[in-house]
Amino acid sequence: MRLSAPTGRTFGIAIVALAAGIVLRGGWLGISASPDVTYWLTAGGGILLVLGVVFNRI
């Protein structure tokens, strides 16, 4: 199996989703979100990053 680097757009979206989930979970900006929202933001960002590495054209 050959792995490739994700495109810049995929990497950017994944990092923004991961960072938003972590920041909302920590409550560092004074914005509170439900645990479900923070979980899915973080999980979605991680899954998108993995898919970008595994598949060549995402």
N, C-alpha and C. Protein backbone atom coordinates (compact mmCIF):
# COMPACT_ATOMS: atom_id res chain seq x y z
N MET A 1 0.85 -1.17 0.00
CA MET A 1 0.00 0.00 0.00
C MET A 1 0.90 1.24 0.00
N ARG A 2 0.64 2.12 -0.94
CA ARG A 2 1.39 3.37 -1.02
C ARG A 2 0.59 4.50 -0.41
N LEU A 3 1.19 5.22 0.49
CA LEU A 3 0.54 6.37 1.10
C LEU A 3 1.06 7.64 0.44
N SER A 4 0.19 8.63 0.37
CA SER A 4 0.60 9.90 -0.24
C SER A 4 0.22 11.05 0.68
N ALA A 5 0.84 12.17 0.44
CA ALA A 5 0.51 13.36 1.22
C ALA A 5 -0.86 13.90 0.78
N PRO A 6 -1.68 14.34 1.72
CA PRO A 6 -2.97 14.91 1.33
C PRO A 6 -2.76 16.25 0.62
N THR A 7 -3.76 16.65 -0.16
CA THR A 7 -3.67 17.95 -0.82
C THR A 7 -3.72 19.06 0.23
N GLY A 8 -3.32 20.23 -0.16
CA GLY A 8 -3.29 21.36 0.77
C GLY A 8 -4.67 21.70 1.30
N ARG A 9 -5.67 21.62 0.45
CA ARG A 9 -7.04 21.93 0.87
C ARG A 9 -7.55 20.92 1.89
N THR A 10 -7.31 19.64 1.63
CA THR A 10 -7.75 18.60 2.56
C THR A 10 -7.05 18.74 3.90
N PHE A 11 -5.75 18.99 3.87
CA PHE A 11 -4.98 19.16 5.09
C PHE A 11 -5.48 20.36 5.88
N GLY A 12 -5.75 21.46 5.20
CA GLY A 12 -6.24 22.67 5.86
C GLY A 12 -7.58 22.48 6.53
N ILE A 13 -8.51 21.84 5.83
CA ILE A 13 -9.84 21.60 6.39
C ILE A 13 -9.74 20.67 7.60
N ALA A 14 -8.91 19.63 7.49
CA ALA A 14 -8.76 18.69 8.60
C ALA A 14 -8.16 19.37 9.82
N ILE A 15 -7.16 20.21 9.63
CA ILE A 15 -6.53 20.89 10.76
C ILE A 15 -7.49 21.88 11.41
N VAL A 16 -8.26 22.60 10.60
CA VAL A 16 -9.24 23.54 11.15
C VAL A 16 -10.29 22.80 11.97
N ALA A 17 -10.79 21.66 11.46
CA ALA A 17 -11.79 20.89 12.20
C ALA A 17 -11.21 20.34 13.50
N LEU A 18 -10.00 19.81 13.43
CA LEU A 18 -9.35 19.30 14.65
C LEU A 18 -9.14 20.41 15.67
N ALA A 19 -8.63 21.52 15.23
CA ALA A 19 -8.37 22.64 16.15
C ALA A 19 -9.67 23.18 16.75
N ALA A 20 -10.71 23.30 15.93
CA ALA A 20 -11.99 23.80 16.44
C ALA A 20 -12.57 22.85 17.48
N GLY A 21 -12.48 21.56 17.25
CA GLY A 21 -12.98 20.59 18.23
C GLY A 21 -12.22 20.67 19.54
N ILE A 22 -10.91 20.80 19.46
CA ILE A 22 -10.10 20.87 20.67
C ILE A 22 -10.36 22.17 21.43
N VAL A 23 -10.42 23.29 20.71
CA VAL A 23 -10.65 24.59 21.36
C VAL A 23 -12.04 24.65 21.99
N LEU A 24 -13.05 24.14 21.28
CA LEU A 24 -14.40 24.16 21.84
C LEU A 24 -14.51 23.23 23.05
N ARG A 25 -13.83 22.11 23.01
CA ARG A 25 -13.87 21.18 24.14
C ARG A 25 -13.19 21.78 25.37
N GLY A 26 -12.09 22.49 25.13
CA GLY A 26 -11.38 23.10 26.24
C GLY A 26 -12.07 24.33 26.79
N GLY A 27 -12.95 24.95 26.00
CA GLY A 27 -13.66 26.14 26.43
C GLY A 27 -12.76 27.35 26.58
N TRP A 28 -11.68 27.40 25.83
CA TRP A 28 -10.69 28.46 25.98
C TRP A 28 -11.15 29.79 25.43
N LEU A 29 -12.11 29.82 24.57
CA LEU A 29 -12.59 31.08 24.00
C LEU A 29 -13.87 31.57 24.66
N GLY A 30 -14.30 30.88 25.67
CA GLY A 30 -15.53 31.26 26.35
C GLY A 30 -16.78 30.80 25.61
N ILE A 31 -16.57 30.01 24.56
CA ILE A 31 -17.69 29.47 23.79
C ILE A 31 -17.85 28.02 24.21
N SER A 32 -19.05 27.68 24.65
CA SER A 32 -19.28 26.29 25.04
C SER A 32 -20.07 25.59 23.94
N ALA A 33 -19.74 24.36 23.71
CA ALA A 33 -20.44 23.54 22.73
C ALA A 33 -20.73 22.20 23.38
N SER A 34 -21.71 21.52 22.86
CA SER A 34 -22.05 20.23 23.43
C SER A 34 -20.92 19.24 23.15
N PRO A 35 -20.77 18.26 24.00
CA PRO A 35 -19.72 17.26 23.79
C PRO A 35 -19.88 16.51 22.46
N ASP A 36 -21.12 16.36 21.99
CA ASP A 36 -21.33 15.69 20.71
C ASP A 36 -20.72 16.49 19.57
N VAL A 37 -20.88 17.79 19.60
CA VAL A 37 -20.33 18.64 18.54
C VAL A 37 -18.82 18.59 18.54
N THR A 38 -18.23 18.71 19.71
CA THR A 38 -16.76 18.69 19.78
C THR A 38 -16.21 17.33 19.37
N TYR A 39 -16.90 16.26 19.75
CA TYR A 39 -16.46 14.92 19.36
C TYR A 39 -16.47 14.77 17.85
N TRP A 40 -17.57 15.15 17.21
CA TRP A 40 -17.68 14.95 15.77
C TRP A 40 -16.77 15.88 14.99
N LEU A 41 -16.52 17.07 15.48
CA LEU A 41 -15.54 17.95 14.82
C LEU A 41 -14.14 17.33 14.86
N THR A 42 -13.75 16.87 16.02
CA THR A 42 -12.43 16.29 16.16
C THR A 42 -12.31 14.97 15.40
N ALA A 43 -13.31 14.12 15.53
CA ALA A 43 -13.27 12.84 14.82
C ALA A 43 -13.32 13.05 13.31
N GLY A 44 -14.15 13.97 12.86
CA GLY A 44 -14.25 14.24 11.43
C GLY A 44 -12.95 14.78 10.86
N GLY A 45 -12.29 15.64 11.58
CA GLY A 45 -11.00 16.16 11.13
C GLY A 45 -9.95 15.07 11.05
N GLY A 46 -9.92 14.20 12.04
CA GLY A 46 -8.96 13.10 12.02
C GLY A 46 -9.24 12.11 10.90
N ILE A 47 -10.51 11.79 10.70
CA ILE A 47 -10.88 10.86 9.63
C ILE A 47 -10.56 11.46 8.28
N LEU A 48 -10.84 12.73 8.10
CA LEU A 48 -10.53 13.39 6.83
C LEU A 48 -9.03 13.38 6.56
N LEU A 49 -8.24 13.58 7.59
CA LEU A 49 -6.79 13.55 7.42
C LEU A 49 -6.31 12.15 7.03
N VAL A 50 -6.86 11.13 7.67
CA VAL A 50 -6.49 9.76 7.33
C VAL A 50 -6.91 9.43 5.89
N LEU A 51 -8.11 9.81 5.50
CA LEU A 51 -8.56 9.56 4.13
C LEU A 51 -7.70 10.29 3.11
N GLY A 52 -7.26 11.48 3.45
CA GLY A 52 -6.39 12.22 2.55
C GLY A 52 -5.04 11.56 2.37
N VAL A 53 -4.57 10.86 3.37
CA VAL A 53 -3.29 10.16 3.27
C VAL A 53 -3.46 8.84 2.51
N VAL A 54 -4.52 8.12 2.77
CA VAL A 54 -4.72 6.80 2.16
C VAL A 54 -5.09 6.92 0.69
N PHE A 55 -6.00 7.83 0.36
CA PHE A 55 -6.43 7.97 -1.02
C PHE A 55 -5.68 9.13 -1.67
N ASN A 56 -5.36 8.97 -2.91
CA ASN A 56 -4.49 9.91 -3.60
C ASN A 56 -5.18 11.21 -3.97
N ARG A 57 -6.44 11.20 -4.36
CA ARG A 57 -7.07 12.37 -4.96
C ARG A 57 -8.10 13.05 -4.07
N ILE A 58 -8.02 12.92 -2.76
CA ILE A 58 -8.99 13.59 -1.89
C ILE A 58 -8.42 14.91 -1.44
